[in-house]
Amino acid sequence: TPSTGGGTPSTGTGGNSSSNGNLEIANL
């Protein structure tokens, strides 16, 4: 989400993993 402080933004790795998991299950 848009950062409101000085923290480092998320790299999105977890999101890609979730998408891959959804696609794998959908493909089955």
PDB file of all heavy atoms in Angstrom:
ATOM      1  N   THR A   1       0.874  -1.190   0.000  1.00  0.00           N
ATOM      2  CA  THR A   1       0.000   0.000   0.000  1.00  0.00           C
ATOM      3  C   THR A   1       0.897   1.221   0.000  1.00  0.00           C
ATOM      4  O   THR A   1       2.062   1.161   0.395  1.00  0.00           O
ATOM      5  CB  THR A   1      -0.874   0.013   1.254  1.00  0.00           C
ATOM      6  OG1 THR A   1      -0.045  -0.051   2.404  1.00  0.00           O
ATOM      7  CG2 THR A   1      -1.806  -1.200   1.277  1.00  0.00           C
ATOM      8  N   PRO A   2       0.355   2.326  -0.435  1.00  0.00           N
ATOM      9  CA  PRO A   2       1.204   3.543  -0.449  1.00  0.00           C
ATOM     10  C   PRO A   2       1.773   3.820   0.933  1.00  0.00           C
ATOM     11  O   PRO A   2       1.042   3.825   1.926  1.00  0.00           O
ATOM     12  CB  PRO A   2       0.220   4.645  -0.885  1.00  0.00           C
ATOM     13  CG  PRO A   2      -0.853   3.907  -1.649  1.00  0.00           C
ATOM     14  CD  PRO A   2      -0.971   2.593  -0.965  1.00  0.00           C
ATOM     15  N   SER A   3       3.064   4.045   0.972  1.00  0.00           N
ATOM     16  CA  SER A   3       3.743   4.252   2.255  1.00  0.00           C
ATOM     17  C   SER A   3       3.491   5.665   2.765  1.00  0.00           C
ATOM     18  O   SER A   3       3.556   6.628   2.025  1.00  0.00           O
ATOM     19  CB  SER A   3       5.247   4.024   2.079  1.00  0.00           C
ATOM     20  OG  SER A   3       5.911   4.301   3.264  1.00  0.00           O
ATOM     21  N   THR A   4       3.206   5.748   4.040  1.00  0.00           N
ATOM     22  CA  THR A   4       3.001   7.064   4.648  1.00  0.00           C
ATOM     23  C   THR A   4       4.171   7.443   5.526  1.00  0.00           C
ATOM     24  O   THR A   4       4.188   8.490   6.130  1.00  0.00           O
ATOM     25  CB  THR A   4       1.715   7.073   5.495  1.00  0.00           C
ATOM     26  OG1 THR A   4       1.828   6.048   6.488  1.00  0.00           O
ATOM     27  CG2 THR A   4       0.496   6.808   4.630  1.00  0.00           C
ATOM     28  N   GLY A   5       5.099   6.519   5.604  1.00  0.00           N
ATOM     29  CA  GLY A   5       6.255   6.824   6.441  1.00  0.00           C
ATOM     30  C   GLY A   5       7.516   6.533   5.684  1.00  0.00           C
ATOM     31  O   GLY A   5       7.548   6.484   4.461  1.00  0.00           O
ATOM     32  N   GLY A   6       8.566   6.294   6.402  1.00  0.00           N
ATOM     33  CA  GLY A   6       9.843   6.066   5.771  1.00  0.00           C
ATOM     34  C   GLY A   6      10.166   4.633   5.576  1.00  0.00           C
ATOM     35  O   GLY A   6      11.289   4.301   5.259  1.00  0.00           O
ATOM     36  N   GLY A   7       9.198   3.762   5.817  1.00  0.00           N
ATOM     37  CA  GLY A   7       9.466   2.334   5.682  1.00  0.00           C
ATOM     38  C   GLY A   7       9.735   1.949   4.252  1.00  0.00           C
ATOM     39  O   GLY A   7       9.379   2.637   3.310  1.00  0.00           O
ATOM     40  N   THR A   8      10.394   0.796   4.096  1.00  0.00           N
ATOM     41  CA  THR A   8      10.677   0.273   2.767  1.00  0.00           C
ATOM     42  C   THR A   8       9.446  -0.414   2.209  1.00  0.00           C
ATOM     43  O   THR A   8       8.832  -1.240   2.862  1.00  0.00           O
ATOM     44  CB  THR A   8      11.826  -0.754   2.822  1.00  0.00           C
ATOM     45  OG1 THR A   8      12.944  -0.096   3.401  1.00  0.00           O
ATOM     46  CG2 THR A   8      12.181  -1.272   1.450  1.00  0.00           C
ATOM     47  N   PRO A   9       9.031  -0.103   0.986  1.00  0.00           N
ATOM     48  CA  PRO A   9       7.848  -0.733   0.395  1.00  0.00           C
ATOM     49  C   PRO A   9       8.052  -2.236   0.258  1.00  0.00           C
ATOM     50  O   PRO A   9       9.159  -2.710   0.058  1.00  0.00           O
ATOM     51  CB  PRO A   9       7.708  -0.071  -0.976  1.00  0.00           C
ATOM     52  CG  PRO A   9       8.545   1.165  -0.904  1.00  0.00           C
ATOM     53  CD  PRO A   9       9.631   0.884   0.077  1.00  0.00           C
ATOM     54  N   SER A  10       6.926  -2.971   0.276  1.00  0.00           N
ATOM     55  CA  SER A  10       6.978  -4.421   0.102  1.00  0.00           C
ATOM     56  C   SER A  10       7.433  -4.750  -1.303  1.00  0.00           C
ATOM     57  O   SER A  10       7.103  -4.064  -2.264  1.00  0.00           O
ATOM     58  CB  SER A  10       5.593  -5.029   0.346  1.00  0.00           C
ATOM     59  OG  SER A  10       5.569  -6.375  -0.071  1.00  0.00           O
ATOM     60  N   THR A  11       8.232  -5.814  -1.449  1.00  0.00           N
ATOM     61  CA  THR A  11       8.720  -6.222  -2.764  1.00  0.00           C
ATOM     62  C   THR A  11       7.641  -6.939  -3.567  1.00  0.00           C
ATOM     63  O   THR A  11       7.804  -7.182  -4.750  1.00  0.00           O
ATOM     64  CB  THR A  11       9.920  -7.179  -2.613  1.00  0.00           C
ATOM     65  OG1 THR A  11       9.476  -8.331  -1.896  1.00  0.00           O
ATOM     66  CG2 THR A  11      11.043  -6.500  -1.868  1.00  0.00           C
ATOM     67  N   GLY A  12       6.562  -7.354  -2.912  1.00  0.00           N
ATOM     68  CA  GLY A  12       5.487  -8.033  -3.636  1.00  0.00           C
ATOM     69  C   GLY A  12       5.745  -9.503  -3.833  1.00  0.00           C
ATOM     70  O   GLY A  12       5.002 -10.170  -4.528  1.00  0.00           O
ATOM     71  N   THR A  13       6.780 -10.068  -3.267  1.00  0.00           N
ATOM     72  CA  THR A  13       7.081 -11.486  -3.464  1.00  0.00           C
ATOM     73  C   THR A  13       5.956 -12.364  -2.988  1.00  0.00           C
ATOM     74  O   THR A  13       5.569 -13.329  -3.628  1.00  0.00           O
ATOM     75  CB  THR A  13       8.375 -11.854  -2.723  1.00  0.00           C
ATOM     76  OG1 THR A  13       9.415 -11.020  -3.205  1.00  0.00           O
ATOM     77  CG2 THR A  13       8.739 -13.300  -2.939  1.00  0.00           C
ATOM     78  N   GLY A  14       5.399 -12.054  -1.818  1.00  0.00           N
ATOM     79  CA  GLY A  14       4.291 -12.859  -1.299  1.00  0.00           C
ATOM     80  C   GLY A  14       3.110 -12.830  -2.240  1.00  0.00           C
ATOM     81  O   GLY A  14       2.439 -13.826  -2.441  1.00  0.00           O
ATOM     82  N   GLY A  15       2.788 -11.689  -2.844  1.00  0.00           N
ATOM     83  CA  GLY A  15       1.667 -11.579  -3.772  1.00  0.00           C
ATOM     84  C   GLY A  15       1.862 -12.471  -4.969  1.00  0.00           C
ATOM     85  O   GLY A  15       0.948 -13.135  -5.432  1.00  0.00           O
ATOM     86  N   ASN A  16       3.061 -12.513  -5.521  1.00  0.00           N
ATOM     87  CA  ASN A  16       3.336 -13.372  -6.683  1.00  0.00           C
ATOM     88  C   ASN A  16       3.156 -14.820  -6.310  1.00  0.00           C
ATOM     89  O   ASN A  16       2.649 -15.634  -7.083  1.00  0.00           O
ATOM     90  CB  ASN A  16       4.760 -13.121  -7.187  1.00  0.00           C
ATOM     91  CG  ASN A  16       4.873 -11.772  -7.876  1.00  0.00           C
ATOM     92  OD1 ASN A  16       3.876 -11.241  -8.351  1.00  0.00           O
ATOM     93  ND2 ASN A  16       6.087 -11.227  -7.900  1.00  0.00           N
ATOM     94  N   SER A  17       3.575 -15.182  -5.096  1.00  0.00           N
ATOM     95  CA  SER A  17       3.442 -16.570  -4.650  1.00  0.00           C
ATOM     96  C   SER A  17       1.973 -16.945  -4.565  1.00  0.00           C
ATOM     97  O   SER A  17       1.572 -18.041  -4.928  1.00  0.00           O
ATOM     98  CB  SER A  17       4.119 -16.737  -3.289  1.00  0.00           C
ATOM     99  OG  SER A  17       3.924 -18.033  -2.778  1.00  0.00           O
ATOM    100  N   SER A  18       1.166 -16.001  -4.049  1.00  0.00           N
ATOM    101  CA  SER A  18      -0.270 -16.264  -3.943  1.00  0.00           C
ATOM    102  C   SER A  18      -0.889 -16.446  -5.315  1.00  0.00           C
ATOM    103  O   SER A  18      -1.698 -17.345  -5.545  1.00  0.00           O
ATOM    104  CB  SER A  18      -0.948 -15.107  -3.210  1.00  0.00           C
ATOM    105  OG  SER A  18      -2.340 -15.293  -3.175  1.00  0.00           O
ATOM    106  N   SER A  19      -0.500 -15.609  -6.255  1.00  0.00           N
ATOM    107  CA  SER A  19      -1.041 -15.718  -7.616  1.00  0.00           C
ATOM    108  C   SER A  19      -0.664 -17.047  -8.251  1.00  0.00           C
ATOM    109  O   SER A  19      -1.475 -17.702  -8.907  1.00  0.00           O
ATOM    110  CB  SER A  19      -0.513 -14.567  -8.479  1.00  0.00           C
ATOM    111  OG  SER A  19      -0.961 -13.329  -7.963  1.00  0.00           O
ATOM    112  N   ASN A  20       0.596 -17.429  -8.045  1.00  0.00           N
ATOM    113  CA  ASN A  20       1.051 -18.708  -8.601  1.00  0.00           C
ATOM    114  C   ASN A  20       0.271 -19.872  -7.995  1.00  0.00           C
ATOM    115  O   ASN A  20      -0.084 -20.836  -8.674  1.00  0.00           O
ATOM    116  CB  ASN A  20       2.546 -18.890  -8.339  1.00  0.00           C
ATOM    117  CG  ASN A  20       3.381 -17.928  -9.170  1.00  0.00           C
ATOM    118  OD1 ASN A  20       2.912 -17.433 -10.205  1.00  0.00           O
ATOM    119  ND2 ASN A  20       4.601 -17.664  -8.733  1.00  0.00           N
ATOM    120  N   GLY A  21       0.005 -19.785  -6.683  1.00  0.00           N
ATOM    121  CA  GLY A  21      -0.760 -20.847  -6.021  1.00  0.00           C
ATOM    122  C   GLY A  21      -2.173 -20.929  -6.564  1.00  0.00           C
ATOM    123  O   GLY A  21      -2.701 -22.012  -6.804  1.00  0.00           O
ATOM    124  N   ASN A  22      -2.798 -19.755  -6.739  1.00  0.00           N
ATOM    125  CA  ASN A  22      -4.152 -19.739  -7.288  1.00  0.00           C
ATOM    126  C   ASN A  22      -4.187 -20.327  -8.684  1.00  0.00           C
ATOM    127  O   ASN A  22      -5.101 -21.081  -9.047  1.00  0.00           O
ATOM    128  CB  ASN A  22      -4.699 -18.307  -7.322  1.00  0.00           C
ATOM    129  CG  ASN A  22      -5.086 -17.808  -5.939  1.00  0.00           C
ATOM    130  OD1 ASN A  22      -5.388 -18.597  -5.059  1.00  0.00           O
ATOM    131  ND2 ASN A  22      -5.055 -16.482  -5.750  1.00  0.00           N
ATOM    132  N   LEU A  23      -3.208 -19.969  -9.491  1.00  0.00           N
ATOM    133  CA  LEU A  23      -3.167 -20.454 -10.875  1.00  0.00           C
ATOM    134  C   LEU A  23      -2.946 -21.966 -10.908  1.00  0.00           C
ATOM    135  O   LEU A  23      -3.569 -22.674 -11.709  1.00  0.00           O
ATOM    136  CB  LEU A  23      -2.042 -19.736 -11.633  1.00  0.00           C
ATOM    137  CG  LEU A  23      -1.930 -20.116 -13.128  1.00  0.00           C
ATOM    138  CD1 LEU A  23      -3.229 -19.772 -13.858  1.00  0.00           C
ATOM    139  CD2 LEU A  23      -0.749 -19.384 -13.767  1.00  0.00           C
ATOM    140  N   GLU A  24      -2.089 -22.454 -10.035  1.00  0.00           N
ATOM    141  CA  GLU A  24      -1.826 -23.894  -9.989  1.00  0.00           C
ATOM    142  C   GLU A  24      -3.095 -24.668  -9.641  1.00  0.00           C
ATOM    143  O   GLU A  24      -3.436 -25.668 -10.280  1.00  0.00           O
ATOM    144  CB  GLU A  24      -0.726 -24.194  -8.977  1.00  0.00           C
ATOM    145  CG  GLU A  24      -0.385 -25.685  -8.884  1.00  0.00           C
ATOM    146  CD  GLU A  24       0.687 -25.967  -7.840  1.00  0.00           C
ATOM    147  OE1 GLU A  24       1.193 -25.003  -7.234  1.00  0.00           O
ATOM    148  OE2 GLU A  24       0.989 -27.149  -7.637  1.00  0.00           O
ATOM    149  N   ILE A  25      -3.810 -24.186  -8.619  1.00  0.00           N
ATOM    150  CA  ILE A  25      -5.045 -24.856  -8.196  1.00  0.00           C
ATOM    151  C   ILE A  25      -6.105 -24.759  -9.293  1.00  0.00           C
ATOM    152  O   ILE A  25      -6.801 -25.725  -9.605  1.00  0.00           O
ATOM    153  CB  ILE A  25      -5.570 -24.231  -6.887  1.00  0.00           C
ATOM    154  CG1 ILE A  25      -4.587 -24.518  -5.750  1.00  0.00           C
ATOM    155  CG2 ILE A  25      -6.963 -24.762  -6.546  1.00  0.00           C
ATOM    156  CD1 ILE A  25      -4.926 -23.790  -4.452  1.00  0.00           C
ATOM    157  N   ALA A  26      -6.223 -23.582  -9.913  1.00  0.00           N
ATOM    158  CA  ALA A  26      -7.203 -23.390 -10.991  1.00  0.00           C
ATOM    159  C   ALA A  26      -6.898 -24.309 -12.168  1.00  0.00           C
ATOM    160  O   ALA A  26      -7.808 -24.878 -12.780  1.00  0.00           O
ATOM    161  CB  ALA A  26      -7.220 -21.933 -11.441  1.00  0.00           C
ATOM    162  N   ASN A  27      -5.626 -24.465 -12.482  1.00  0.00           N
ATOM    163  CA  ASN A  27      -5.243 -25.317 -13.616  1.00  0.00           C
ATOM    164  C   ASN A  27      -5.594 -26.785 -13.374  1.00  0.00           C
ATOM    165  O   ASN A  27      -5.926 -27.528 -14.297  1.00  0.00           O
ATOM    166  CB  ASN A  27      -3.751 -25.173 -13.911  1.00  0.00           C
ATOM    167  CG  ASN A  27      -3.431 -23.891 -14.658  1.00  0.00           C
ATOM    168  OD1 ASN A  27      -4.328 -23.286 -15.267  1.00  0.00           O
ATOM    169  ND2 ASN A  27      -2.180 -23.449 -14.625  1.00  0.00           N
ATOM    170  N   LEU A  28      -5.483 -27.212 -12.107  1.00  0.00           N
ATOM    171  CA  LEU A  28      -5.854 -28.589 -11.785  1.00  0.00           C
ATOM    172  C   LEU A  28      -7.341 -28.824 -12.053  1.00  0.00           C
ATOM    173  O   LEU A  28      -7.744 -29.847 -12.622  1.00  0.00           O
ATOM    174  CB  LEU A  28      -5.528 -28.899 -10.319  1.00  0.00           C
ATOM    175  CG  LEU A  28      -4.048 -29.058  -9.973  1.00  0.00           C
ATOM    176  CD1 LEU A  28      -3.871 -29.197  -8.467  1.00  0.00           C
ATOM    177  CD2 LEU A  28      -3.453 -30.276 -10.688  1.00  0.00           C
TER     178      LEU A  28
END
